[in-house]
C-alpha atoms as a PDB file:
ATOM      1  CA  UNK A   1      69.970 111.608 106.011  1.00  0.00           C
ATOM      2  CA  UNK A   2      71.043 108.391 107.669  1.00  0.00           C
ATOM      3  CA  UNK A   3      74.261 108.061 109.604  1.00  0.00           C
ATOM      4  CA  UNK A   4      76.122 104.851 108.862  1.00  0.00           C
ATOM      5  CA  UNK A   5      77.775 102.998 111.701  1.00  0.00           C
ATOM      6  CA  UNK A   6      80.868 102.634 109.511  1.00  0.00           C
ATOM      7  CA  UNK A   7      81.220 106.410 109.290  1.00  0.00           C
ATOM      8  CA  UNK A   8      81.127 106.597 113.069  1.00  0.00           C
ATOM      9  CA  UNK A   9      83.675 103.805 113.268  1.00  0.00           C
ATOM     10  CA  UNK A  10      85.951 105.625 110.826  1.00  0.00           C
ATOM     11  CA  UNK A  11      85.788 108.773 112.953  1.00  0.00           C
ATOM     12  CA  UNK A  12      86.718 106.727 116.003  1.00  0.00           C
ATOM     13  CA  UNK A  13      89.654 105.099 114.218  1.00  0.00           C
ATOM     14  CA  UNK A  14      90.982 108.469 113.140  1.00  0.00           C
ATOM     15  CA  UNK A  15      90.756 109.826 116.675  1.00  0.00           C
ATOM     16  CA  UNK A  16      92.641 106.933 118.265  1.00  0.00           C
ATOM     17  CA  UNK A  17      96.142 107.383 119.540  1.00  0.00           C
ATOM     18  CA  UNK A  18      98.734 106.254 116.978  1.00  0.00           C
ATOM     19  CA  UNK A  19      99.994 103.553 119.355  1.00  0.00           C
ATOM     20  CA  UNK A  20      96.743 101.571 119.308  1.00  0.00           C
ATOM     21  CA  UNK A  21      96.503  98.714 116.852  1.00  0.00           C
ATOM     22  CA  UNK A  22      93.930  96.192 115.816  1.00  0.00           C
ATOM     23  CA  UNK A  23      94.631  92.844 115.724  1.00  0.00           C
ATOM     24  CA  UNK A  24      95.586  91.847  95.401  1.00  0.00           C
ATOM     25  CA  UNK A  25      91.903  92.166  95.382  1.00  0.00           C
ATOM     26  CA  UNK A  26      90.399  93.896  92.405  1.00  0.00           C
ATOM     27  CA  UNK A  27      88.334  97.033  92.667  1.00  0.00           C
ATOM     28  CA  UNK A  28      84.642  96.443  92.165  1.00  0.00           C
ATOM     29  CA  UNK A  29      83.569  99.836  90.900  1.00  0.00           C
ATOM     30  CA  UNK A  30      79.973 100.427  91.879  1.00  0.00           C
ATOM     31  CA  UNK A  31      79.878 103.970  90.584  1.00  0.00           C
ATOM     32  CA  UNK A  32      80.177 102.907  86.947  1.00  0.00           C
ATOM     33  CA  UNK A  33      83.014 105.387  86.491  1.00  0.00           C
ATOM     34  CA  UNK A  34      85.606 103.870  84.130  1.00  0.00           C
ATOM     35  CA  UNK A  35      88.302 106.267  85.349  1.00  0.00           C
ATOM     36  CA  UNK A  36      89.875 104.632  88.372  1.00  0.00           C
ATOM     37  CA  UNK A  37      92.536 106.450  90.369  1.00  0.00           C
ATOM     38  CA  UNK A  38      95.322 104.342  91.945  1.00  0.00           C
ATOM     39  CA  UNK A  39      94.179 105.587  95.351  1.00  0.00           C
ATOM     40  CA  UNK A  40      90.890 103.774  94.703  1.00  0.00           C
ATOM     41  CA  UNK A  41      92.739 100.485  95.100  1.00  0.00           C
ATOM     42  CA  UNK A  42      93.561 101.380  98.715  1.00  0.00           C
ATOM     43  CA  UNK A  43      89.881 100.966  99.573  1.00  0.00           C
ATOM     44  CA  UNK A  44      88.178  98.165  97.677  1.00  0.00           C
ATOM     45  CA  UNK A  45      84.414  98.165  97.341  1.00  0.00           C
ATOM     46  CA  UNK A  46      82.235  95.090  97.194  1.00  0.00           C
ATOM     47  CA  UNK A  47      78.487  95.263  97.034  1.00  0.00           C
ATOM     48  CA  UNK A  48      75.260  93.379  97.021  1.00  0.00           C
ATOM     49  CA  UNK A  49      71.727  94.632  96.521  1.00  0.00           C
ATOM     50  CA  UNK A  50      71.334  96.439  99.848  1.00  0.00           C
ATOM     51  CA  UNK A  51      74.861  96.470 101.267  1.00  0.00           C
ATOM     52  CA  UNK A  52      78.350  97.712 100.574  1.00  0.00           C
ATOM     53  CA  UNK A  53      81.656  96.499 101.994  1.00  0.00           C
ATOM     54  CA  UNK A  54      84.659  98.819 102.084  1.00  0.00           C
ATOM     55  CA  UNK A  55      87.908  96.891 102.488  1.00  0.00           C
ATOM     56  CA  UNK A  56      91.052  98.692 103.616  1.00  0.00           C
ATOM     57  CA  UNK A  57      93.724  97.390 101.234  1.00  0.00           C
ATOM     58  CA  UNK A  58      97.162  98.180 102.650  1.00  0.00           C
ATOM     59  CA  UNK A  59      98.010  94.925 104.410  1.00  0.00           C
ATOM     60  CA  UNK A  60     101.766  95.600 104.301  1.00  0.00           C
ATOM     61  CA  UNK A  61     101.206  98.608 106.598  1.00  0.00           C
ATOM     62  CA  UNK A  62      98.475  96.881 108.639  1.00  0.00           C
ATOM     63  CA  UNK A  63      95.938  99.054 106.795  1.00  0.00           C
ATOM     64  CA  UNK A  64      97.149 102.261 108.415  1.00  0.00           C
ATOM     65  CA  UNK A  65      94.884 105.011 107.077  1.00  0.00           C
ATOM     66  CA  UNK A  66      96.511 107.647 104.887  1.00  0.00           C
ATOM     67  CA  UNK A  67      94.915 110.820 103.529  1.00  0.00           C
ATOM     68  CA  UNK A  68      93.950 109.175 100.214  1.00  0.00           C
ATOM     69  CA  UNK A  69      92.119 106.400 102.010  1.00  0.00           C
ATOM     70  CA  UNK A  70      90.269 108.795 104.296  1.00  0.00           C
ATOM     71  CA  UNK A  71      89.224 110.979 101.347  1.00  0.00           C
ATOM     72  CA  UNK A  72      87.970 107.931  99.443  1.00  0.00           C
ATOM     73  CA  UNK A  73      86.039 106.604 102.446  1.00  0.00           C
ATOM     74  CA  UNK A  74      84.423 109.994 103.005  1.00  0.00           C
ATOM     75  CA  UNK A  75      83.344 110.154  99.349  1.00  0.00           C
ATOM     76  CA  UNK A  76      81.981 106.613  99.456  1.00  0.00           C
ATOM     77  CA  UNK A  77      80.068 107.239 102.694  1.00  0.00           C
ATOM     78  CA  UNK A  78      78.498 110.412 101.300  1.00  0.00           C
ATOM     79  CA  UNK A  79      77.354 108.559  98.167  1.00  0.00           C
ATOM     80  CA  UNK A  80      76.033 105.610 100.144  1.00  0.00           C
ATOM     81  CA  UNK A  81      74.248 107.823 102.636  1.00  0.00           C
ATOM     82  CA  UNK A  82      72.265 109.405  99.801  1.00  0.00           C
ATOM     83  CA  UNK A  83      71.339 106.028  98.269  1.00  0.00           C
ATOM     84  CA  UNK A  84      68.034 104.756  99.714  1.00  0.00           C
ATOM     85  CA  UNK A  85      68.769 101.230  98.435  1.00  0.00           C
ATOM     86  CA  UNK A  86      71.791 100.775 100.701  1.00  0.00           C
ATOM     87  CA  UNK A  87      70.716  99.543 104.111  1.00  0.00           C
ATOM     88  CA  UNK A  88      74.090  98.892 105.727  1.00  0.00           C
ATOM     89  CA  UNK A  89      77.831  99.257 105.220  1.00  0.00           C
ATOM     90  CA  UNK A  90      80.639  97.007 106.463  1.00  0.00           C
ATOM     91  CA  UNK A  91      84.188  98.282 106.945  1.00  0.00           C
ATOM     92  CA  UNK A  92      86.921  95.675 107.208  1.00  0.00           C
ATOM     93  CA  UNK A  93      90.643  95.314 106.733  1.00  0.00           C
ATOM     94  CA  UNK A  94      92.413  93.157 104.186  1.00  0.00           C
ATOM     95  CA  UNK A  95      95.137  90.911 105.550  1.00  0.00           C
ATOM     96  CA  UNK A  96      95.796  90.162 109.207  1.00  0.00           C
ATOM     97  CA  UNK A  97      94.812  93.543 110.695  1.00  0.00           C
ATOM     98  CA  UNK A  98      91.727  95.712 110.596  1.00  0.00           C
ATOM     99  CA  UNK A  99      93.571  99.045 110.851  1.00  0.00           C
ATOM    100  CA  UNK A 100      96.650 100.246 112.684  1.00  0.00           C
ATOM    101  CA  UNK A 101      95.230 103.768 113.021  1.00  0.00           C
ATOM    102  CA  UNK A 102      96.598 106.701 111.075  1.00  0.00           C
ATOM    103  CA  UNK A 103      99.649 106.369 108.834  1.00  0.00           C
ATOM    104  CA  UNK A 104     102.147 108.621 110.599  1.00  0.00           C
ATOM    105  CA  UNK A 105     104.838 107.892 107.986  1.00  0.00           C
ATOM    106  CA  UNK A 106     102.757 109.418 105.175  1.00  0.00           C
ATOM    107  CA  UNK A 107     101.837 112.331 107.446  1.00  0.00           C
ATOM    108  CA  UNK A 108     105.533 112.936 108.136  1.00  0.00           C
ATOM    109  CA  UNK A 109     106.282 112.893 104.388  1.00  0.00           C
ATOM    110  CA  UNK A 110     103.494 115.429 103.763  1.00  0.00           C
ATOM    111  CA  UNK A 111     104.917 117.755 106.392  1.00  0.00           C
ATOM    112  CA  UNK A 112     108.439 117.480 104.932  1.00  0.00           C
ATOM    113  CA  UNK A 113     107.247 118.463 101.416  1.00  0.00           C
END
């Protein structure tokens, strides 16, 4: 199995200290699954013949990663890793920031529940 550079980048983002920061699109469903969860809109997928682009879509929070986004990215990376037609993956942020790290507000809300 191939390891995608984007998966390594995602791991690095998740391990960064919360104080580090990096300075409507429609979902293009490549899976063909007509059932789309709202959390799918947090990571938008665009694709061409041999590539996929995952776009973090929470510009109001500087694309801070929450648990739904991480779960979706992991699922996408697993699917793409097993697809021999996909040669590379790009991960980018929508809006003015790539990603502000982990979303500590959503983590706090999870702990309080």
